[in-house]
Amino acid sequence: MDKTLKVLIIAMAVLVVIVPIGLIATGTAFGEWGPDELQESIGYVPAGLQQLSTLWSPLLPDYDFAGGEHDTLPTQAPGYYVSAIIGVLLCAGVGYVLGKAIIKRTD
Protein backbone atom coordinates (compact mmCIF):
# COMPACT_ATOMS: atom_id res chain seq x y z
CA MET A 1 0.00 0.00 0.00
CA ASP A 2 1.24 3.44 -0.93
CA LYS A 3 2.52 5.57 1.99
CA THR A 4 0.30 8.51 0.99
CA LEU A 5 -2.76 6.25 0.99
CA LYS A 6 -1.85 4.93 4.44
CA VAL A 7 -1.54 8.47 5.80
CA LEU A 8 -4.87 9.40 4.22
CA ILE A 9 -6.61 6.37 5.70
CA ILE A 10 -5.18 7.06 9.16
CA ALA A 11 -6.18 10.73 8.95
CA MET A 12 -9.74 9.81 7.90
CA ALA A 13 -9.96 7.24 10.71
CA VAL A 14 -8.87 9.86 13.26
CA LEU A 15 -11.45 12.31 11.92
CA VAL A 16 -14.19 9.67 12.14
CA VAL A 17 -13.22 8.87 15.74
CA ILE A 18 -13.37 12.52 16.82
CA VAL A 19 -16.57 13.34 14.92
CA PRO A 20 -18.76 13.46 18.08
CA ILE A 21 -16.75 16.47 19.25
CA GLY A 22 -19.33 18.51 17.38
CA LEU A 23 -21.88 17.40 19.96
CA ILE A 24 -20.17 19.35 22.72
CA ALA A 25 -19.97 22.55 20.67
CA THR A 26 -22.61 25.21 21.10
CA GLY A 27 -24.76 26.53 18.28
CA THR A 28 -25.31 24.98 14.89
CA ALA A 29 -22.83 23.74 12.31
CA PHE A 30 -22.01 26.30 9.64
CA GLY A 31 -23.86 25.60 6.41
CA GLU A 32 -26.11 22.89 7.83
CA TRP A 33 -29.02 25.19 8.44
CA GLY A 34 -32.50 24.14 7.48
CA PRO A 35 -35.22 26.58 6.47
CA ASP A 36 -36.50 26.84 10.04
CA GLU A 37 -33.05 27.75 11.39
CA LEU A 38 -32.52 30.34 8.64
CA GLN A 39 -35.91 31.85 9.38
CA GLU A 40 -34.96 32.13 13.03
CA SER A 41 -31.44 33.47 12.36
CA ILE A 42 -31.89 35.95 9.52
CA GLY A 43 -35.64 36.44 9.42
CA TYR A 44 -36.41 34.94 6.00
CA VAL A 45 -35.86 31.88 3.84
CA PRO A 46 -34.75 32.29 0.22
CA ALA A 47 -37.47 30.95 -2.09
CA GLY A 48 -35.11 28.57 -3.89
CA LEU A 49 -33.91 27.05 -0.62
CA GLN A 50 -37.48 26.65 0.60
CA GLN A 51 -38.42 24.89 -2.64
CA LEU A 52 -35.35 22.60 -2.67
CA SER A 53 -35.50 21.76 1.02
CA THR A 54 -38.33 19.30 0.42
CA LEU A 55 -36.60 17.62 -2.53
CA TRP A 56 -35.14 14.80 -0.43
CA SER A 57 -34.87 13.70 3.15
CA PRO A 58 -31.65 12.39 4.71
CA LEU A 59 -31.17 8.81 5.85
CA LEU A 60 -30.24 10.00 9.35
CA PRO A 61 -31.87 13.38 10.03
CA ASP A 62 -29.72 15.39 12.45
CA TYR A 63 -27.20 12.49 12.39
CA ASP A 64 -29.48 10.50 14.66
CA PHE A 65 -31.41 7.27 14.50
CA ALA A 66 -35.17 7.40 14.64
CA GLY A 67 -36.96 6.55 17.85
CA GLY A 68 -35.96 6.73 21.45
CA GLU A 69 -34.56 9.63 23.37
CA HIS A 70 -31.14 10.56 22.09
CA ASP A 71 -30.27 13.63 24.09
CA THR A 72 -26.93 12.67 25.60
CA LEU A 73 -23.50 12.32 24.00
CA PRO A 74 -23.33 8.51 24.37
CA THR A 75 -26.76 8.05 22.77
CA GLN A 76 -26.13 10.53 19.94
CA ALA A 77 -22.60 9.42 19.05
CA PRO A 78 -23.58 6.21 17.17
CA GLY A 79 -25.58 8.20 14.63
CA TYR A 80 -22.63 10.56 14.14
CA TYR A 81 -20.27 7.62 13.64
CA VAL A 82 -22.55 5.93 11.12
CA SER A 83 -22.99 9.21 9.24
CA ALA A 84 -19.24 9.81 9.22
CA ILE A 85 -18.44 6.31 7.99
CA ILE A 86 -21.07 6.48 5.24
CA GLY A 87 -19.80 9.91 4.19
CA VAL A 88 -16.17 8.78 4.08
CA LEU A 89 -17.05 5.65 2.11
CA LEU A 90 -19.17 7.61 -0.38
CA CYS A 91 -16.46 10.24 -0.90
CA ALA A 92 -13.75 7.58 -1.21
CA GLY A 93 -15.86 5.65 -3.71
CA VAL A 94 -16.55 8.72 -5.84
CA GLY A 95 -12.86 9.67 -5.66
CA TYR A 96 -11.83 6.16 -6.66
CA VAL A 97 -14.20 6.03 -9.64
CA LEU A 98 -13.19 9.51 -10.80
CA GLY A 99 -9.50 8.64 -10.40
CA LYS A 100 -9.92 5.48 -12.44
CA ALA A 101 -11.79 7.39 -15.14
CA ILE A 102 -9.10 10.08 -15.31
CA ILE A 103 -6.31 7.50 -15.47
CA LYS A 104 -8.14 5.54 -18.17
CA ARG A 105 -8.72 8.74 -20.17
CA THR A 106 -5.04 9.75 -20.07
CA ASP A 107 -3.79 6.28 -21.11
PDB file of N, CA and C in Angstrom:
ATOM      1  N   MET A   1       0.848  -1.183   0.000  1.00  0.00           N
ATOM      2  CA  MET A   1       0.000   0.000   0.000  1.00  0.00           C
ATOM      3  C   MET A   1       0.891   1.243   0.000  1.00  0.00           C
ATOM      4  N   ASP A   2       0.507   2.189  -0.804  1.00  0.00           N
ATOM      5  CA  ASP A   2       1.243   3.443  -0.934  1.00  0.00           C
ATOM      6  C   ASP A   2       1.254   4.196   0.405  1.00  0.00           C
ATOM      7  N   LYS A   3       2.395   4.854   0.723  1.00  0.00           N
ATOM      8  CA  LYS A   3       2.517   5.575   1.992  1.00  0.00           C
ATOM      9  C   LYS A   3       1.495   6.711   2.085  1.00  0.00           C
ATOM     10  N   THR A   4       1.268   7.412   0.988  1.00  0.00           N
ATOM     11  CA  THR A   4       0.296   8.513   0.988  1.00  0.00           C
ATOM     12  C   THR A   4      -1.102   7.994   1.291  1.00  0.00           C
ATOM     13  N   LEU A   5      -1.446   6.844   0.734  1.00  0.00           N
ATOM     14  CA  LEU A   5      -2.763   6.254   0.988  1.00  0.00           C
ATOM     15  C   LEU A   5      -2.897   5.845   2.453  1.00  0.00           C
ATOM     16  N   LYS A   6      -1.810   5.307   3.025  1.00  0.00           N
ATOM     17  CA  LYS A   6      -1.852   4.933   4.444  1.00  0.00           C
ATOM     18  C   LYS A   6      -2.088   6.157   5.319  1.00  0.00           C
ATOM     19  N   VAL A   7      -1.367   7.238   5.028  1.00  0.00           N
ATOM     20  CA  VAL A   7      -1.540   8.469   5.805  1.00  0.00           C
ATOM     21  C   VAL A   7      -2.965   8.995   5.653  1.00  0.00           C
ATOM     22  N   LEU A   8      -3.498   8.938   4.456  1.00  0.00           N
ATOM     23  CA  LEU A   8      -4.868   9.405   4.217  1.00  0.00           C
ATOM     24  C   LEU A   8      -5.881   8.560   4.988  1.00  0.00           C
ATOM     25  N   ILE A   9      -5.691   7.260   4.974  1.00  0.00           N
ATOM     26  CA  ILE A   9      -6.610   6.374   5.697  1.00  0.00           C
ATOM     27  C   ILE A   9      -6.539   6.617   7.194  1.00  0.00           C
ATOM     28  N   ILE A  10      -5.334   6.780   7.724  1.00  0.00           N
ATOM     29  CA  ILE A  10      -5.176   7.057   9.159  1.00  0.00           C
ATOM     30  C   ILE A  10      -5.814   8.401   9.513  1.00  0.00           C
ATOM     31  N   ALA A  11      -5.594   9.409   8.689  1.00  0.00           N
ATOM     32  CA  ALA A  11      -6.183  10.734   8.948  1.00  0.00           C
ATOM     33  C   ALA A  11      -7.709  10.658   8.929  1.00  0.00           C
ATOM     34  N   MET A  12      -8.273   9.933   7.968  1.00  0.00           N
ATOM     35  CA  MET A  12      -9.736   9.808   7.901  1.00  0.00           C
ATOM     36  C   MET A  12     -10.270   9.037   9.108  1.00  0.00           C
ATOM     37  N   ALA A  13      -9.530   8.005   9.537  1.00  0.00           N
ATOM     38  CA  ALA A  13      -9.957   7.236  10.709  1.00  0.00           C
ATOM     39  C   ALA A  13      -9.961   8.120  11.960  1.00  0.00           C
ATOM     40  N   VAL A  14      -8.935   8.948  12.102  1.00  0.00           N
ATOM     41  CA  VAL A  14      -8.869   9.857  13.258  1.00  0.00           C
ATOM     42  C   VAL A  14     -10.047  10.835  13.212  1.00  0.00           C
ATOM     43  N   LEU A  15     -10.329  11.368  12.041  1.00  0.00           N
ATOM     44  CA  LEU A  15     -11.454  12.307  11.918  1.00  0.00           C
ATOM     45  C   LEU A  15     -12.785  11.637  12.237  1.00  0.00           C
ATOM     46  N   VAL A  16     -12.945  10.387  11.820  1.00  0.00           N
ATOM     47  CA  VAL A  16     -14.188   9.670  12.135  1.00  0.00           C
ATOM     48  C   VAL A  16     -14.302   9.458  13.642  1.00  0.00           C
ATOM     49  N   VAL A  17     -13.186   9.120  14.294  1.00  0.00           N
ATOM     50  CA  VAL A  17     -13.215   8.870  15.744  1.00  0.00           C
ATOM     51  C   VAL A  17     -13.594  10.135  16.515  1.00  0.00           C
ATOM     52  N   ILE A  18     -13.100  11.292  16.057  1.00  0.00           N
ATOM     53  CA  ILE A  18     -13.369  12.525  16.816  1.00  0.00           C
ATOM     54  C   ILE A  18     -14.630  13.252  16.369  1.00  0.00           C
ATOM     55  N   VAL A  19     -15.381  12.670  15.457  1.00  0.00           N
ATOM     56  CA  VAL A  19     -16.565  13.337  14.920  1.00  0.00           C
ATOM     57  C   VAL A  19     -17.585  13.752  15.999  1.00  0.00           C
ATOM     58  N   PRO A  20     -17.775  13.001  17.084  1.00  0.00           N
ATOM     59  CA  PRO A  20     -18.756  13.457  18.082  1.00  0.00           C
ATOM     60  C   PRO A  20     -18.344  14.713  18.849  1.00  0.00           C
ATOM     61  N   ILE A  21     -17.151  15.231  18.595  1.00  0.00           N
ATOM     62  CA  ILE A  21     -16.751  16.474  19.253  1.00  0.00           C
ATOM     63  C   ILE A  21     -17.756  17.583  18.935  1.00  0.00           C
ATOM     64  N   GLY A  22     -18.335  17.507  17.750  1.00  0.00           N
ATOM     65  CA  GLY A  22     -19.327  18.508  17.383  1.00  0.00           C
ATOM     66  C   GLY A  22     -20.518  18.539  18.322  1.00  0.00           C
ATOM     67  N   LEU A  23     -20.745  17.449  19.030  1.00  0.00           N
ATOM     68  CA  LEU A  23     -21.884  17.404  19.958  1.00  0.00           C
ATOM     69  C   LEU A  23     -21.678  18.271  21.189  1.00  0.00           C
ATOM     70  N   ILE A  24     -20.418  18.534  21.529  1.00  0.00           N
ATOM     71  CA  ILE A  24     -20.174  19.347  22.724  1.00  0.00           C
ATOM     72  C   ILE A  24     -20.049  20.829  22.378  1.00  0.00           C
ATOM     73  N   ALA A  25     -20.034  21.155  21.091  1.00  0.00           N
ATOM     74  CA  ALA A  25     -19.973  22.546  20.668  1.00  0.00           C
ATOM     75  C   ALA A  25     -21.347  23.193  20.818  1.00  0.00           C
ATOM     76  N   THR A  26     -21.343  24.490  21.009  1.00  0.00           N
ATOM     77  CA  THR A  26     -22.610  25.208  21.103  1.00  0.00           C
ATOM     78  C   THR A  26     -23.006  25.734  19.728  1.00  0.00           C
ATOM     79  N   GLY A  27     -24.272  25.985  19.535  1.00  0.00           N
ATOM     80  CA  GLY A  27     -24.761  26.533  18.279  1.00  0.00           C
ATOM     81  C   GLY A  27     -24.958  25.463  17.229  1.00  0.00           C
ATOM     82  N   THR A  28     -25.093  25.912  15.986  1.00  0.00           N
ATOM     83  CA  THR A  28     -25.311  24.979  14.886  1.00  0.00           C
ATOM     84  C   THR A  28     -24.074  24.938  13.999  1.00  0.00           C
ATOM     85  N   ALA A  29     -23.955  23.874  13.227  1.00  0.00           N
ATOM     86  CA  ALA A  29     -22.826  23.735  12.309  1.00  0.00           C
ATOM     87  C   ALA A  29     -23.021  24.672  11.130  1.00  0.00           C
ATOM     88  N   PHE A  30     -21.938  25.357  10.742  1.00  0.00           N
ATOM     89  CA  PHE A  30     -22.010  26.300   9.636  1.00  0.00           C
ATOM     90  C   PHE A  30     -22.436  25.589   8.348  1.00  0.00           C
ATOM     91  N   GLY A  31     -23.422  26.130   7.697  1.00  0.00           N
ATOM     92  CA  GLY A  31     -23.856  25.603   6.413  1.00  0.00           C
ATOM     93  C   GLY A  31     -24.817  24.436   6.502  1.00  0.00           C
ATOM     94  N   GLU A  32     -25.175  23.998   7.681  1.00  0.00           N
ATOM     95  CA  GLU A  32     -26.108  22.893   7.829  1.00  0.00           C
ATOM     96  C   GLU A  32     -27.477  23.378   8.287  1.00  0.00           C
ATOM     97  N   TRP A  33     -27.773  24.621   7.984  1.00  0.00           N
ATOM     98  CA  TRP A  33     -29.023  25.190   8.438  1.00  0.00           C
ATOM     99  C   TRP A  33     -30.173  24.752   7.557  1.00  0.00           C
ATOM    100  N   GLY A  34     -31.265  24.429   8.194  1.00  0.00           N
ATOM    101  CA  GLY A  34     -32.496  24.140   7.478  1.00  0.00           C
ATOM    102  C   GLY A  34     -33.301  25.424   7.367  1.00  0.00           C
ATOM    103  N   PRO A  35     -34.398  25.382   6.627  1.00  0.00           N
ATOM    104  CA  PRO A  35     -35.220  26.577   6.470  1.00  0.00           C
ATOM    105  C   PRO A  35     -35.682  27.175   7.795  1.00  0.00           C
ATOM    106  N   ASP A  36     -36.027  26.317   8.754  1.00  0.00           N
ATOM    107  CA  ASP A  36     -36.502  26.835  10.036  1.00  0.00           C
ATOM    108  C   ASP A  36     -35.401  27.584  10.794  1.00  0.00           C
ATOM    109  N   GLU A  37     -34.168  27.082  10.706  1.00  0.00           N
ATOM    110  CA  GLU A  37     -33.051  27.754  11.386  1.00  0.00           C
ATOM    111  C   GLU A  37     -32.696  29.070  10.698  1.00  0.00           C
ATOM    112  N   LEU A  38     -32.765  29.092   9.356  1.00  0.00           N
ATOM    113  CA  LEU A  38     -32.521  30.344   8.640  1.00  0.00           C
ATOM    114  C   LEU A  38     -33.580  31.375   8.982  1.00  0.00           C
ATOM    115  N   GLN A  39     -34.821  30.938   9.032  1.00  0.00           N
ATOM    116  CA  GLN A  39     -35.906  31.854   9.380  1.00  0.00           C
ATOM    117  C   GLN A  39     -35.649  32.476  10.747  1.00  0.00           C
ATOM    118  N   GLU A  40     -35.216  31.655  11.664  1.00  0.00           N
ATOM    119  CA  GLU A  40     -34.961  32.129  13.028  1.00  0.00           C
ATOM    120  C   GLU A  40     -33.736  33.034  13.082  1.00  0.00           C
ATOM    121  N   SER A  41     -32.695  32.719  12.290  1.00  0.00           N
ATOM    122  CA  SER A  41     -31.439  33.466  12.358  1.00  0.00           C
ATOM    123  C   SER A  41     -31.471  34.778  11.590  1.00  0.00           C
ATOM    124  N   ILE A  42     -31.960  34.741  10.349  1.00  0.00           N
ATOM    125  CA  ILE A  42     -31.885  35.948   9.520  1.00  0.00           C
ATOM    126  C   ILE A  42     -33.243  36.531   9.175  1.00  0.00           C
ATOM    127  N   GLY A  43     -34.315  35.859   9.577  1.00  0.00           N
ATOM    128  CA  GLY A  43     -35.640  36.435   9.417  1.00  0.00           C
ATOM    129  C   GLY A  43     -36.361  36.068   8.130  1.00  0.00           C
ATOM    130  N   TYR A  44     -35.723  35.373   7.226  1.00  0.00           N
ATOM    131  CA  TYR A  44     -36.413  34.942   6.004  1.00  0.00           C
ATOM    132  C   TYR A  44     -35.718  33.714   5.443  1.00  0.00           C
ATOM    133  N   VAL A  45     -36.414  33.046   4.519  1.00  0.00           N
ATOM    134  CA  VAL A  45     -35.861  31.878   3.844  1.00  0.00           C
ATOM    135  C   VAL A  45     -35.887  32.149   2.346  1.00  0.00           C
ATOM    136  N   PRO A  46     -34.737  32.097   1.677  1.00  0.00           N
ATOM    137  CA  PRO A  46     -34.745  32.290   0.224  1.00  0.00           C
ATOM    138  C   PRO A  46     -35.704  31.301  -0.447  1.00  0.00           C
ATOM    139  N   ALA A  47     -36.446  31.775  -1.450  1.00  0.00           N
ATOM    140  CA  ALA A  47     -37.472  30.953  -2.090  1.00  0.00           C
ATOM    141  C   ALA A  47     -36.897  29.669  -2.679  1.00  0.00           C
ATOM    142  N   GLY A  48     -35.721  29.764  -3.298  1.00  0.00           N
ATOM    143  CA  GLY A  48     -35.109  28.568  -3.890  1.00  0.00           C
ATOM    144  C   GLY A  48     -34.773  27.529  -2.845  1.00  0.00           C
ATOM    145  N   LEU A  49     -34.240  27.983  -1.696  1.00  0.00           N
ATOM    146  CA  LEU A  49     -33.915  27.053  -0.623  1.00  0.00           C
ATOM    147  C   LEU A  49     -35.180  26.404  -0.074  1.00  0.00           C
ATOM    148  N   GLN A  50     -36.213  27.200   0.087  1.00  0.00           N
ATOM    149  CA  GLN A  50     -37.475  26.653   0.598  1.00  0.00           C
ATOM    150  C   GLN A  50     -38.014  25.582  -0.343  1.00  0.00           C
ATOM    151  N   GLN A  51     -37.911  25.837  -1.641  1.00  0.00           N
ATOM    152  CA  GLN A  51     -38.416  24.887  -2.638  1.00  0.00           C
ATOM    153  C   GLN A  51     -37.571  23.616  -2.650  1.00  0.00           C
ATOM    154  N   LEU A  52     -36.234  23.757  -2.587  1.00  0.00           N
ATOM    155  CA  LEU A  52     -35.348  22.599  -2.675  1.00  0.00           C
ATOM    156  C   LEU A  52     -35.264  21.803  -1.368  1.00  0.00           C
ATOM    157  N   SER A  53     -35.643  22.427  -0.271  1.00  0.00           N
ATOM    158  CA  SER A  53     -35.498  21.760   1.024  1.00  0.00           C
ATOM    159  C   SER A  53     -36.396  20.537   1.164  1.00  0.00           C
ATOM    160  N   THR A  54     -37.431  20.452   0.343  1.00  0.00           N
ATOM    161  CA  THR A  54     -38.330  19.298   0.418  1.00  0.00           C
ATOM    162  C   THR A  54     -38.013  18.263  -0.662  1.00  0.00           C
ATOM    163  N   LEU A  55     -36.945  18.491  -1.416  1.00  0.00           N
ATOM    164  CA  LEU A  55     -36.598  17.616  -2.530  1.00  0.00           C
ATOM    165  C   LEU A  55     -36.222  16.218  -2.068  1.00  0.00           C
ATOM    166  N   TRP A  56     -35.532  16.110  -0.950  1.00  0.00           N
ATOM    167  CA  TRP A  56     -35.137  14.805  -0.427  1.00  0.00           C
ATOM    168  C   TRP A  56     -35.012  14.887   1.083  1.00  0.00           C
ATOM    169  N   SER A  57     -35.065  13.731   1.702  1.00  0.00           N
ATOM    170  CA  SER A  57     -34.868  13.701   3.150  1.00  0.00           C
ATOM    171  C   SER A  57     -33.681  12.791   3.451  1.00  0.00           C
ATOM    172  N   PRO A  58     -32.859  13.168   4.411  1.00  0.00           N
ATOM    173  CA  PRO A  58     -31.653  12.395   4.707  1.00  0.00           C
ATOM    174  C   PRO A  58     -31.972  11.054   5.353  1.00  0.00           C
ATOM    175  N   LEU A  59     -31.009  10.128   5.224  1.00  0.00           N
ATOM    176  CA  LEU A  59     -31.169   8.815   5.850  1.00  0.00           C
ATOM    177  C   LEU A  59     -31.190   8.937   7.367  1.00  0.00           C
ATOM    178  N   LEU A  60     -30.321   9.792   7.905  1.00  0.00           N
ATOM    179  CA  LEU A  60     -30.242  10.004   9.349  1.00  0.00           C
ATOM    180  C   LEU A  60     -30.423  11.494   9.630  1.00  0.00           C
ATOM    181  N   PRO A  61     -31.666  11.949   9.739  1.00  0.00           N
ATOM    182  CA  PRO A  61     -31.873  13.377  10.035  1.00  0.00           C
ATOM    183  C   PRO A  61     -31.184  13.779  11.338  1.00  0.00           C
ATOM    184  N   ASP A  62     -30.481  14.879  11.300  1.00  0.00           N
ATOM    185  CA  ASP A  62     -29.721  15.387  12.453  1.00  0.00           C
ATOM    186  C   ASP A  62     -28.697  14.362  12.953  1.00  0.00           C
ATOM    187  N   TYR A  63     -28.215  13.511  12.059  1.00  0.00           N
ATOM    188  CA  TYR A  63     -27.202  12.492  12.388  1.00  0.00           C
ATOM    189  C   TYR A  63     -27.661  11.573  13.509  1.00  0.00           C
ATOM    190  N   ASP A  64     -28.938  11.285  13.564  1.00  0.00           N
ATOM    191  CA  ASP A  64     -29.476  10.498  14.664  1.00  0.00           C
ATOM    192  C   ASP A  64     -30.414   9.421  14.125  1.00  0.00           C
ATOM    193  N   PHE A  65     -30.480   8.334  14.853  1.00  0.00           N
ATOM    194  CA  PHE A  65     -31.407   7.269  14.505  1.00  0.00           C
ATOM    195  C   PHE A  65     -32.807   7.637  14.975  1.00  0.00           C
ATOM    196  N   ALA A  66     -33.791   7.119  14.272  1.00  0.00           N
ATOM    197  CA  ALA A  66     -35.169   7.398  14.643  1.00  0.00           C
ATOM    198  C   ALA A  66     -35.539   6.646  15.917  1.00  0.00           C
ATOM    199  N   GLY A  67     -36.450   7.213  16.650  1.00  0.00           N
ATOM    200  CA  GLY A  67     -36.960   6.553  17.851  1.00  0.00           C
ATOM    201  C   GLY A  67     -36.082   6.761  19.064  1.00  0.00           C
ATOM    202  N   GLY A  68     -36.690   6.615  20.202  1.00  0.00           N
ATOM    203  CA  GLY A  68     -35.955   6.732  21.449  1.00  0.00           C
ATOM    204  C   GLY A  68     -35.568   8.164  21.774  1.00  0.00           C
ATOM    205  N   GLU A  69     -35.028   8.313  22.948  1.00  0.00           N
ATOM    206  CA  GLU A  69     -34.563   9.628  23.371  1.00  0.00           C
ATOM    207  C   GLU A  69     -33.053   9.662  23.251  1.00  0.00           C
ATOM    208  N   HIS A  70     -32.565  10.447  22.333  1.00  0.00           N
ATOM    209  CA  HIS A  70     -31.139  10.559  22.095  1.00  0.00           C
ATOM    210  C   HIS A  70     -30.698  11.978  22.431  1.00  0.00           C
ATOM    211  N   ASP A  71     -30.616  12.271  23.690  1.00  0.00           N
ATOM    212  CA  ASP A  71     -30.272  13.626  24.085  1.00  0.00           C
ATOM    213  C   ASP A  71     -28.960  13.717  24.862  1.00  0.00           C
ATOM    214  N   THR A  72     -28.233  12.627  24.947  1.00  0.00           N
ATOM    215  CA  THR A  72     -26.933  12.669  25.601  1.00  0.00           C
ATOM    216  C   THR A  72     -25.847  12.261  24.612  1.00  0.00           C
ATOM    217  N   LEU A  73     -24.621  12.629  24.900  1.00  0.00           N
ATOM    218  CA  LEU A  73     -23.504  12.325  24.003  1.00  0.00           C
ATOM    219  C   LEU A  73     -23.394  10.833  23.694  1.00  0.00           C
ATOM    220  N   PRO A  74     -23.453   9.934  24.689  1.00  0.00           N
ATOM    221  CA  PRO A  74     -23.335   8.508  24.366  1.00  0.00           C
ATOM    222  C   PRO A  74     -24.467   7.971  23.494  1.00  0.00           C
ATOM    223  N   THR A  75     -25.640   8.539  23.589  1.00  0.00           N
ATOM    224  CA  THR A  75     -26.760   8.045  22.769  1.00  0.00           C
ATOM    225  C   THR A  75     -26.792   8.689  21.387  1.00  0.00           C
ATOM    226  N   GLN A  76     -26.166   9.859  21.235  1.00  0.00           N
ATOM    227  CA  GLN A  76     -26.134  10.532  19.942  1.00  0.00           C
ATOM    228  C   GLN A  76     -24.929  10.122  19.110  1.00  0.00           C
ATOM    229  N   ALA A  77     -23.844   9.717  19.762  1.00  0.00           N
ATOM    230  CA  ALA A  77     -22.599   9.415  19.051  1.00  0.00           C
ATOM    231  C   ALA A  77     -22.738   8.321  17.988  1.00  0.00           C
ATOM    232  N   PRO A  78     -23.483   7.242  18.219  1.00  0.00           N
ATOM    233  CA  PRO A  78     -23.581   6.213  17.166  1.00  0.00           C
ATOM    234  C   PRO A  78     -24.100   6.746  15.833  1.00  0.00           C
ATOM    235  N   GLY A  79     -25.075   7.607  15.866  1.00  0.00           N
ATOM    236  CA  GLY A  79     -25.580   8.201  14.628  1.00  0.00           C
ATOM    237  C   GLY A  79     -24.523   9.040  13.931  1.00  0.00           C
ATOM    238  N   TYR A  80     -23.725   9.767  14.715  1.00  0.00           N
ATOM    239  CA  TYR A  80     -22.631  10.562  14.141  1.00  0.00           C
ATOM    240  C   TYR A  80     -21.591   9.649  13.508  1.00  0.00           C
ATOM    241  N   TYR A  81     -21.263   8.543  14.197  1.00  0.00           N
ATOM    242  CA  TYR A  81     -20.268   7.618  13.644  1.00  0.00           C
ATOM    243  C   TYR A  81     -20.761   6.987  12.346  1.00  0.00           C
ATOM    244  N   VAL A  82     -21.999   6.550  12.328  1.00  0.00           N
ATOM    245  CA  VAL A  82     -22.548   5.930  11.116  1.00  0.00           C
ATOM    246  C   VAL A  82     -22.567   6.944   9.978  1.00  0.00           C
ATOM    247  N   SER A  83     -22.974   8.171  10.269  1.00  0.00           N
ATOM    248  CA  SER A  83     -22.990   9.208   9.240  1.00  0.00           C
ATOM    249  C   SER A  83     -21.586   9.478   8.716  1.00  0.00           C
ATOM    250  N   ALA A  84     -20.619   9.548   9.629  1.00  0.00           N
ATOM    251  CA  ALA A  84     -19.235   9.810   9.217  1.00  0.00           C
ATOM    252  C   ALA A  84     -18.695   8.680   8.355  1.00  0.00           C
ATOM    253  N   ILE A  85     -18.947   7.464   8.749  1.00  0.00           N
ATOM    254  CA  ILE A  85     -18.439   6.314   7.988  1.00  0.00           C
ATOM    255  C   ILE A  85     -19.083   6.262   6.602  1.00  0.00           C
ATOM    256  N   ILE A  86     -20.390   6.474   6.540  1.00  0.00           N
ATOM    257  CA  ILE A  86     -21.067   6.485   5.240  1.00  0.00           C
ATOM    258  C   ILE A  86     -20.516   7.612   4.357  1.00  0.00           C
ATOM    259  N   GLY A  87     -20.329   8.787   4.952  1.00  0.00           N
ATOM    260  CA  GLY A  87     -19.795   9.912   4.190  1.00  0.00           C
ATOM    261  C   GLY A  87     -18.397   9.649   3.670  1.00  0.00           C
ATOM    262  N   VAL A  88     -17.536   9.082   4.509  1.00  0.00           N
ATOM    263  CA  VAL A  88     -16.171   8.778   4.084  1.00  0.00           C
ATOM    264  C   VAL A  88     -16.185   7.739   2.966  1.00  0.00           C
ATOM    265  N   LEU A  89     -16.992   6.698   3.134  1.00  0.00           N
ATOM    266  CA  LEU A  89     -17.047   5.654   2.110  1.00  0.00           C
ATOM    267  C   LEU A  89     -17.600   6.188   0.777  1.00  0.00           C
ATOM    268  N   LEU A  90     -18.627   7.027   0.846  1.00  0.00           N
ATOM    269  CA  LEU A  90     -19.167   7.608  -0.384  1.00  0.00           C
ATOM    270  C   LEU A  90     -18.143   8.499  -1.075  1.00  0.00           C
ATOM    271  N   CYS A  91     -17.463   9.350  -0.310  1.00  0.00           N
ATOM    272  CA  CYS A  91     -16.463  10.242  -0.903  1.00  0.00           C
ATOM    273  C   CYS A  91     -15.287   9.438  -1.462  1.00  0.00           C
ATOM    274  N   ALA A  92     -14.853   8.418  -0.729  1.00  0.00           N
ATOM    275  CA  ALA A  92     -13.748   7.583  -1.212  1.00  0.00           C
ATOM    276  C   ALA A  92     -14.161   6.847  -2.481  1.00  0.00           C
ATOM    277  N   GLY A  93     -15.387   6.353  -2.523  1.00  0.00           N
ATOM    278  CA  GLY A  93     -15.864   5.650  -3.712  1.00  0.00           C
ATOM    279  C   GLY A  93     -15.940   6.564  -4.924  1.00  0.00           C
ATOM    280  N   VAL A  94     -16.470   7.760  -4.736  1.00  0.00           N
ATOM    281  CA  VAL A  94     -16.548   8.723  -5.841  1.00  0.00           C
ATOM    282  C   VAL A  94     -15.134   9.106  -6.290  1.00  0.00           C
ATOM    283  N   GLY A  95     -14.250   9.339  -5.329  1.00  0.00           N
ATOM    284  CA  GLY A  95     -12.863   9.675  -5.663  1.00  0.00           C
ATOM    285  C   GLY A  95     -12.174   8.547  -6.415  1.00  0.00           C
ATOM    286  N   TYR A  96     -12.423   7.321  -5.999  1.00  0.00           N
ATOM    287  CA  TYR A  96     -11.826   6.159  -6.655  1.00  0.00           C
ATOM    288  C   TYR A  96     -12.322   6.041  -8.098  1.00  0.00           C
ATOM    289  N   VAL A  97     -13.627   6.158  -8.291  1.00  0.00           N
ATOM    290  CA  VAL A  97     -14.199   6.030  -9.637  1.00  0.00           C
ATOM    291  C   VAL A  97     -13.697   7.166 -10.536  1.00  0.00           C
ATOM    292  N   LEU A  98     -13.687   8.389 -10.005  1.00  0.00           N
ATOM    293  CA  LEU A  98     -13.187   9.511 -10.800  1.00  0.00           C
ATOM    294  C   LEU A  98     -11.715   9.327 -11.133  1.00  0.00           C
ATOM    295  N   GLY A  99     -10.927   8.869 -10.165  1.00  0.00           N
ATOM    296  CA  GLY A  99      -9.503   8.640 -10.401  1.00  0.00           C
ATOM    297  C   GLY A  99      -9.279   7.598 -11.486  1.00  0.00           C
ATOM    298  N   LYS A 100     -10.027   6.519 -11.415  1.00  0.00           N
ATOM    299  CA  LYS A 100      -9.915   5.479 -12.437  1.00  0.00           C
ATOM    300  C   LYS A 100     -10.298   6.019 -13.811  1.00  0.00           C
ATOM    301  N   ALA A 101     -11.356   6.822 -13.871  1.00  0.00           N
ATOM    302  CA  ALA A 101     -11.793   7.392 -15.144  1.00  0.00           C
ATOM    303  C   ALA A 101     -10.741   8.329 -15.715  1.00  0.00           C
ATOM    304  N   ILE A 102     -10.135   9.132 -14.855  1.00  0.00           N
ATOM    305  CA  ILE A 102      -9.103  10.075 -15.313  1.00  0.00           C
ATOM    306  C   ILE A 102      -7.878   9.312 -15.799  1.00  0.00           C
ATOM    307  N   ILE A 103      -7.474   8.296 -15.059  1.00  0.00           N
ATOM    308  CA  ILE A 103      -6.312   7.500 -15.474  1.00  0.00           C
ATOM    309  C   ILE A 103      -6.589   6.799 -16.796  1.00  0.00           C
ATOM    310  N   LYS A 104      -7.788   6.243 -16.932  1.00  0.00           N
ATOM    311  CA  LYS A 104      -8.145   5.544 -18.167  1.00  0.00           C
ATOM    312  C   LYS A 104      -8.162   6.511 -19.350  1.00  0.00           C
ATOM    313  N   ARG A 105      -8.627   7.728 -19.104  1.00  0.00           N
ATOM    314  CA  ARG A 105      -8.717   8.736 -20.171  1.00  0.00           C
ATOM    315  C   ARG A 105      -7.336   9.188 -20.633  1.00  0.00           C
ATOM    316  N   THR A 106      -6.382   9.272 -19.700  1.00  0.00           N
ATOM    317  CA  THR A 106      -5.044   9.746 -20.067  1.00  0.00           C
ATOM    318  C   THR A 106      -4.181   8.659 -20.680  1.00  0.00           C
ATOM    319  N   ASP A 107      -4.576   7.389 -20.521  1.00  0.00           N
ATOM    320  CA  ASP A 107      -3.786   6.284 -21.114  1.00  0.00           C
ATOM    321  C   ASP A 107      -4.037   6.144 -22.594  1.00  0.00           C
TER     322      ASP A 107
END
